[in-house]
Amino acid sequence: GDPERIAATALFLVSPENDFMSGSVISIDGASMTG
C-alpha cells in the first residue's frame, strides 16, 4: 500500500472508533498478499 493508506490504517487502529476489533487481518498491500 501507499504511505497514505498505511497511515490511515494505523490511525484507525489507535482511534476510539476501533474499540471492538480483535484477531483481524488487515490487508494494506493493495490485495496482492501472497502465501
C-alpha atoms as a PDB file:
ATOM      1  CA  GLY A   1       0.000   0.000   0.000  1.00  0.00           C
ATOM      2  CA  ASP A   2       0.991   3.592  -0.361  1.00  0.00           C
ATOM      3  CA  PRO A   3       2.105   5.589   2.703  1.00  0.00           C
ATOM      4  CA  GLU A   4      -1.194   7.475   2.958  1.00  0.00           C
ATOM      5  CA  ARG A   5      -3.249   4.279   3.215  1.00  0.00           C
ATOM      6  CA  ILE A   6      -0.853   2.764   5.719  1.00  0.00           C
ATOM      7  CA  ALA A   7      -1.039   5.922   7.845  1.00  0.00           C
ATOM      8  CA  ALA A   8      -4.845   5.981   7.636  1.00  0.00           C
ATOM      9  CA  THR A   9      -5.000   2.349   8.741  1.00  0.00           C
ATOM     10  CA  ALA A  10      -2.630   2.979  11.643  1.00  0.00           C
ATOM     11  CA  LEU A  11      -4.672   5.989  12.746  1.00  0.00           C
ATOM     12  CA  PHE A  12      -7.865   3.944  12.627  1.00  0.00           C
ATOM     13  CA  LEU A  13      -6.292   1.189  14.729  1.00  0.00           C
ATOM     14  CA  VAL A  14      -5.454   3.616  17.544  1.00  0.00           C
ATOM     15  CA  SER A  15      -8.665   5.647  17.315  1.00  0.00           C
ATOM     16  CA  PRO A  16     -11.657   5.371  19.677  1.00  0.00           C
ATOM     17  CA  GLU A  17     -13.717   4.154  16.691  1.00  0.00           C
ATOM     18  CA  ASN A  18     -11.758   0.895  16.822  1.00  0.00           C
ATOM     19  CA  ASP A  19     -12.857  -0.401  20.211  1.00  0.00           C
ATOM     20  CA  PHE A  20     -14.227  -3.813  19.171  1.00  0.00           C
ATOM     21  CA  MET A  21     -11.607  -5.168  16.789  1.00  0.00           C
ATOM     22  CA  SER A  22      -9.515  -8.186  17.711  1.00  0.00           C
ATOM     23  CA  GLY A  23      -7.850 -11.013  15.847  1.00  0.00           C
ATOM     24  CA  SER A  24      -8.337  -9.435  12.436  1.00  0.00           C
ATOM     25  CA  VAL A  25      -6.040  -9.423   9.444  1.00  0.00           C
ATOM     26  CA  ILE A  26      -5.918  -6.051   7.723  1.00  0.00           C
ATOM     27  CA  SER A  27      -4.513  -6.144   4.211  1.00  0.00           C
ATOM     28  CA  ILE A  28      -2.891  -2.844   3.259  1.00  0.00           C
ATOM     29  CA  ASP A  29      -0.865  -4.134   0.332  1.00  0.00           C
ATOM     30  CA  GLY A  30      -3.354  -3.473  -2.446  1.00  0.00           C
ATOM     31  CA  ALA A  31      -4.784  -7.001  -2.222  1.00  0.00           C
ATOM     32  CA  SER A  32      -1.569  -8.528  -3.528  1.00  0.00           C
ATOM     33  CA  MET A  33      -0.999 -10.673  -0.440  1.00  0.00           C
ATOM     34  CA  THR A  34       0.693 -13.958  -1.294  1.00  0.00           C
ATOM     35  CA  GLY A  35       1.268 -17.113   0.632  1.00  0.00           C
END
